[in-house]
Amino acid sequence: YLVIETIKGISLSKFIKSKGKEIRDILVKGGKAAHKIVDYMIQMVSLLDTLHQQQVVHRDVTPANFMILPNGKLALIDLELSYSIKHQYPTPAFTLGTYGYMSPEQMAVSTPTIYEDIFSAGAILLQIFGGIHPMKLTEGPYEEIINRVSFFISDKRIGEVIAQCLNPVPEKRPGVSKIRDELLMFSQHINQSRDTFTYKTFTNDEIHNVVQSSVNALSTPLFSDDEGWFSANIETPFDEKNKLIKARYASFSLGDSG
């Protein structure tokens, strides 16, 4: 038998969803609500630090796996994917994880290190400070990731540490103490002027080209055939040879615009 504790409260994920994109504005404007959110993030990295001191890698660090207790404290849950560095167990490590929060080396099923959790923590910080789910931002060349971070996060120091967390080279990611120090400093100066990123702006021609390319894509074989727009079949998207099974629906969100 495995005896576990019942945790009462709401998940950090549910808290983030309840705030929506407002959470980003709260952090920019400051105030009591901002301090509470930053405190959650500080607790989050502190819990990971405690786990790493025991030479354990969580490997599924997502907002859904942190519970906010009624007293405002955070609890870390769902350790079923964890890996013991000390005992090198289990070998091989469990596969899977959560896309958007999962590091490149975890997706490659490499031997786990604490840097996997650092990447995931950076993805959560990006989600909270940037207001966008990390699945849309954490994949691709590192230079593009840096550009996305600087676009969505105005505070330069926080943005830089988040970008470092998302570095594809594990050893170049910061330690938990550096992340915590930056969050503490942000909390202490939350209503004061701090350095901001100067992000790339786009010309009208560049914007026009992106929009027009997107519209043009609707008439390519990716979206349409001689009979019109199609979608993947909801019940069985692919056949045994991994070929798309087409279907026609009356909703644009499912494929056919009507």
Protein backbone atom coordinates (compact mmCIF):
# COMPACT_ATOMS: atom_id res chain seq x y z
CA TYR A 1 0.00 0.00 0.00
CA LEU A 2 1.07 3.55 -0.70
CA VAL A 3 -0.27 5.95 1.91
CA ILE A 4 -0.79 9.49 0.63
CA GLU A 5 -2.24 12.67 2.06
CA THR A 6 -5.41 14.39 0.88
CA ILE A 7 -4.69 18.00 -0.04
CA LYS A 8 -7.57 20.46 0.21
CA GLY A 9 -7.47 23.62 -1.85
CA ILE A 10 -7.32 24.63 -5.51
CA SER A 11 -4.60 23.96 -8.04
CA LEU A 12 -2.29 26.71 -9.21
CA SER A 13 -3.61 25.91 -12.69
CA LYS A 14 -7.18 26.68 -11.64
CA PHE A 15 -6.01 29.90 -9.99
CA ILE A 16 -4.23 31.01 -13.17
CA LYS A 17 -7.27 30.18 -15.32
CA SER A 18 -9.56 32.12 -12.95
CA LYS A 19 -7.44 35.24 -13.50
CA GLY A 20 -7.03 34.76 -17.25
CA LYS A 21 -4.91 37.37 -19.00
CA GLU A 22 -5.66 39.70 -16.09
CA ILE A 23 -2.84 38.00 -14.18
CA ARG A 24 -0.25 39.66 -16.42
CA ASP A 25 -1.79 43.11 -15.85
CA ILE A 26 -1.83 42.53 -12.09
CA LEU A 27 1.92 41.87 -12.08
CA VAL A 28 2.59 44.96 -14.21
CA LYS A 29 0.47 47.26 -12.03
CA GLY A 30 1.65 45.85 -8.69
CA GLY A 31 -0.25 45.98 -5.42
CA LYS A 32 -1.37 43.38 -2.89
CA ALA A 33 -2.67 40.94 -5.51
CA ALA A 34 0.67 41.02 -7.33
CA HIS A 35 2.56 40.25 -4.13
CA LYS A 36 0.35 37.19 -3.56
CA ILE A 37 1.04 35.85 -7.06
CA VAL A 38 4.80 36.40 -6.73
CA ASP A 39 4.70 34.66 -3.33
CA TYR A 40 3.14 31.61 -5.00
CA MET A 41 6.00 31.55 -7.51
CA ILE A 42 8.63 31.88 -4.77
CA GLN A 43 7.01 29.00 -2.87
CA MET A 44 6.95 26.96 -6.07
CA VAL A 45 10.70 27.19 -6.68
CA SER A 46 11.40 26.69 -2.95
CA LEU A 47 9.47 23.40 -3.01
CA LEU A 48 11.51 22.28 -6.01
CA ASP A 49 14.69 23.25 -4.17
CA THR A 50 13.67 21.03 -1.23
CA LEU A 51 12.99 18.14 -3.59
CA HIS A 52 16.30 18.61 -5.41
CA GLN A 53 18.19 18.63 -2.11
CA GLN A 54 16.87 15.09 -1.67
CA GLN A 55 18.24 14.32 -5.16
CA VAL A 56 14.77 13.80 -6.56
CA VAL A 57 13.59 15.19 -9.91
CA HIS A 58 9.82 15.75 -10.12
CA ARG A 59 9.61 15.62 -13.95
CA ASP A 60 6.01 16.86 -14.21
CA VAL A 61 6.25 20.40 -12.89
CA THR A 62 3.06 22.09 -14.09
CA PRO A 63 0.54 24.49 -12.49
CA ALA A 64 -1.83 21.52 -12.09
CA ASN A 65 0.62 19.83 -9.73
CA PHE A 66 0.83 22.65 -7.18
CA MET A 67 -2.09 22.98 -4.77
CA ILE A 68 -2.88 26.28 -3.02
CA LEU A 69 -3.98 25.43 0.52
CA PRO A 70 -6.57 27.52 2.42
CA ASN A 71 -3.73 29.15 4.42
CA GLY A 72 -2.02 30.37 1.23
CA LYS A 73 0.76 27.78 1.28
CA LEU A 74 1.62 25.68 -1.75
CA ALA A 75 1.87 21.88 -1.76
CA LEU A 76 3.57 19.81 -4.48
CA ILE A 77 1.61 16.76 -5.67
CA ASP A 78 1.70 13.94 -8.24
CA LEU A 79 5.22 12.56 -8.01
CA GLU A 80 4.52 9.43 -10.07
CA LEU A 81 7.02 10.44 -12.80
CA SER A 82 9.78 11.29 -10.32
CA TYR A 83 13.35 10.06 -10.60
CA SER A 84 15.94 9.47 -7.86
CA ILE A 85 19.36 10.74 -8.88
CA LYS A 86 20.94 9.09 -5.83
CA HIS A 87 19.56 5.63 -6.60
CA GLN A 88 19.35 6.15 -10.39
CA TYR A 89 15.84 4.77 -10.17
CA PRO A 90 13.68 3.97 -12.03
CA THR A 91 15.91 2.95 -14.95
CA PRO A 92 14.89 3.74 -17.55
CA ALA A 93 13.00 6.75 -16.27
CA PHE A 94 9.27 6.96 -16.93
CA THR A 95 8.39 8.51 -20.26
CA LEU A 96 5.77 11.17 -20.97
CA GLY A 97 5.25 14.50 -19.24
CA THR A 98 3.24 17.61 -20.12
CA TYR A 99 3.90 19.34 -23.43
CA GLY A 100 4.80 22.99 -23.11
CA TYR A 101 6.40 22.36 -19.71
CA MET A 102 8.57 19.41 -20.74
CA SER A 103 12.24 20.02 -21.53
CA PRO A 104 13.84 18.88 -24.81
CA GLU A 105 15.96 16.29 -23.00
CA GLN A 106 12.91 14.83 -21.26
CA MET A 107 11.16 14.49 -24.62
CA ALA A 108 14.30 12.73 -25.86
CA VAL A 109 14.08 10.35 -22.83
CA SER A 110 17.55 11.29 -21.59
CA THR A 111 18.72 10.43 -18.07
CA PRO A 112 16.86 12.90 -15.81
CA THR A 113 18.58 15.80 -14.04
CA ILE A 114 17.23 18.65 -11.90
CA TYR A 115 17.49 20.87 -14.98
CA GLU A 116 14.32 19.24 -16.32
CA ASP A 117 12.41 20.82 -13.42
CA ILE A 118 14.18 24.16 -14.00
CA PHE A 119 12.90 24.22 -17.58
CA SER A 120 9.37 23.45 -16.37
CA ALA A 121 9.54 26.14 -13.69
CA GLY A 122 10.60 28.64 -16.36
CA ALA A 123 7.61 27.61 -18.48
CA ILE A 124 5.24 28.26 -15.55
CA LEU A 125 6.82 31.67 -14.91
CA LEU A 126 6.46 32.46 -18.61
CA GLN A 127 2.78 31.52 -18.45
CA ILE A 128 2.14 33.68 -15.39
CA PHE A 129 4.16 36.74 -16.42
CA GLY A 130 3.32 36.47 -20.12
CA GLY A 131 -0.34 35.44 -19.97
CA ILE A 132 0.09 32.78 -22.69
CA HIS A 133 0.19 28.98 -22.36
CA PRO A 134 3.83 27.85 -22.71
CA MET A 135 2.93 25.20 -25.30
CA LYS A 136 2.72 28.08 -27.78
CA LEU A 137 6.05 29.59 -26.78
CA THR A 138 8.63 27.05 -25.56
CA GLU A 139 9.35 25.09 -28.76
CA GLY A 140 11.60 26.06 -31.65
CA PRO A 141 15.07 27.64 -31.96
CA TYR A 142 16.36 29.26 -28.78
CA GLU A 143 16.71 32.68 -30.43
CA GLU A 144 13.00 32.62 -31.23
CA ILE A 145 12.18 31.66 -27.64
CA ILE A 146 14.22 34.63 -26.39
CA ASN A 147 12.35 36.95 -28.77
CA ARG A 148 8.98 35.63 -27.56
CA VAL A 149 9.94 36.10 -23.92
CA SER A 150 11.10 39.68 -24.52
CA PHE A 151 7.86 40.42 -26.41
CA PHE A 152 5.44 39.14 -23.77
CA ILE A 153 7.36 40.04 -20.60
CA SER A 154 8.15 43.67 -20.03
CA ASP A 155 10.42 43.30 -16.97
CA LYS A 156 13.93 42.72 -18.29
CA ARG A 157 15.47 40.86 -15.32
CA ILE A 158 12.53 38.48 -14.94
CA GLY A 159 12.44 37.93 -18.69
CA GLU A 160 16.15 37.13 -18.80
CA VAL A 161 15.98 34.52 -16.03
CA ILE A 162 12.93 32.91 -17.67
CA ALA A 163 14.74 32.76 -21.01
CA GLN A 164 17.72 31.14 -19.27
CA CYS A 165 15.41 28.51 -17.75
CA LEU A 166 14.24 27.62 -21.26
CA ASN A 167 17.74 27.22 -22.69
CA PRO A 168 17.91 23.91 -24.64
CA VAL A 169 21.33 23.27 -23.07
CA PRO A 170 20.48 22.05 -19.53
CA GLU A 171 23.75 23.15 -17.92
CA LYS A 172 23.15 26.75 -19.02
CA ARG A 173 19.92 27.01 -17.04
CA PRO A 174 20.06 28.90 -13.72
CA GLY A 175 19.90 27.27 -10.31
CA VAL A 176 16.80 27.46 -8.14
CA SER A 177 18.47 30.02 -5.86
CA LYS A 178 18.98 32.49 -8.73
CA ILE A 179 15.35 32.16 -9.82
CA ARG A 180 14.17 32.70 -6.24
CA ASP A 181 16.48 35.70 -5.76
CA GLU A 182 15.10 37.38 -8.90
CA LEU A 183 11.52 36.78 -7.76
CA LEU A 184 12.30 38.17 -4.31
CA MET A 185 13.89 41.26 -5.86
CA PHE A 186 10.89 41.70 -8.14
CA SER A 187 8.58 41.45 -5.13
CA GLN A 188 10.58 44.03 -3.18
CA HIS A 189 10.50 46.52 -6.06
CA ILE A 190 7.11 45.63 -7.48
CA ASN A 191 5.79 49.20 -7.55
CA GLN A 192 9.08 50.77 -8.62
CA SER A 193 10.52 51.48 -12.05
CA ARG A 194 12.66 48.63 -13.41
CA ASP A 195 14.46 48.00 -16.69
CA THR A 196 12.20 46.85 -19.51
CA PHE A 197 12.80 45.03 -22.79
CA THR A 198 12.83 46.89 -26.09
CA TYR A 199 11.07 44.33 -28.22
CA LYS A 200 10.97 44.02 -31.99
CA THR A 201 8.19 45.90 -33.76
CA PHE A 202 6.79 44.99 -37.17
CA THR A 203 6.18 47.09 -40.27
CA ASN A 204 2.81 47.22 -41.99
CA ASP A 205 4.25 45.20 -44.89
CA GLU A 206 5.47 42.44 -42.54
CA ILE A 207 2.07 42.23 -40.84
CA HIS A 208 0.29 42.21 -44.21
CA ASN A 209 2.49 39.36 -45.46
CA VAL A 210 1.76 37.22 -42.39
CA VAL A 211 -2.01 37.76 -42.67
CA GLN A 212 -2.04 37.13 -46.41
CA SER A 213 0.06 33.97 -46.07
CA SER A 214 -2.39 32.68 -43.44
CA VAL A 215 -5.35 33.34 -45.75
CA ASN A 216 -3.57 31.70 -48.68
CA ALA A 217 -2.94 28.58 -46.56
CA LEU A 218 -6.71 27.95 -46.42
CA SER A 219 -6.68 27.06 -50.11
CA THR A 220 -3.72 24.64 -49.88
CA PRO A 221 -3.97 20.82 -49.55
CA LEU A 222 -3.37 21.28 -45.81
CA PHE A 223 -6.92 22.60 -45.42
CA SER A 224 -8.93 21.88 -48.57
CA ASP A 225 -9.49 19.64 -51.56
CA ASP A 226 -11.77 19.69 -54.63
CA GLU A 227 -14.82 19.28 -52.39
CA GLY A 228 -13.98 22.20 -50.10
CA TRP A 229 -12.56 22.59 -46.60
CA PHE A 230 -12.10 19.50 -44.48
CA SER A 231 -11.12 18.47 -40.97
CA ALA A 232 -9.72 15.35 -39.34
CA ASN A 233 -12.40 12.89 -38.31
CA ILE A 234 -13.17 13.52 -34.64
CA GLU A 235 -13.55 9.86 -33.69
CA THR A 236 -10.71 8.40 -35.80
CA PRO A 237 -8.33 11.09 -37.12
CA PHE A 238 -5.86 8.66 -38.78
CA ASP A 239 -5.98 5.21 -40.36
CA GLU A 240 -3.56 2.34 -39.66
CA LYS A 241 -1.03 3.87 -42.06
CA ASN A 242 -1.19 7.22 -40.23
CA LYS A 243 -3.06 8.81 -43.14
CA LEU A 244 -5.57 11.54 -42.33
CA ILE A 245 -9.22 10.48 -42.39
CA LYS A 246 -11.11 13.50 -43.70
CA ALA A 247 -14.50 14.68 -42.43
CA ARG A 248 -16.80 17.65 -43.15
CA TYR A 249 -18.35 19.61 -40.32
CA ALA A 250 -20.55 22.71 -40.25
CA SER A 251 -18.43 24.56 -37.68
CA PHE A 252 -15.33 26.48 -38.69
CA SER A 253 -13.61 25.43 -35.45
CA LEU A 254 -13.89 21.82 -36.65
CA GLY A 255 -12.98 22.50 -40.25
CA ASP A 256 -15.75 23.37 -42.70
CA SER A 257 -17.03 26.94 -42.52
CA GLY A 258 -20.54 26.13 -43.74
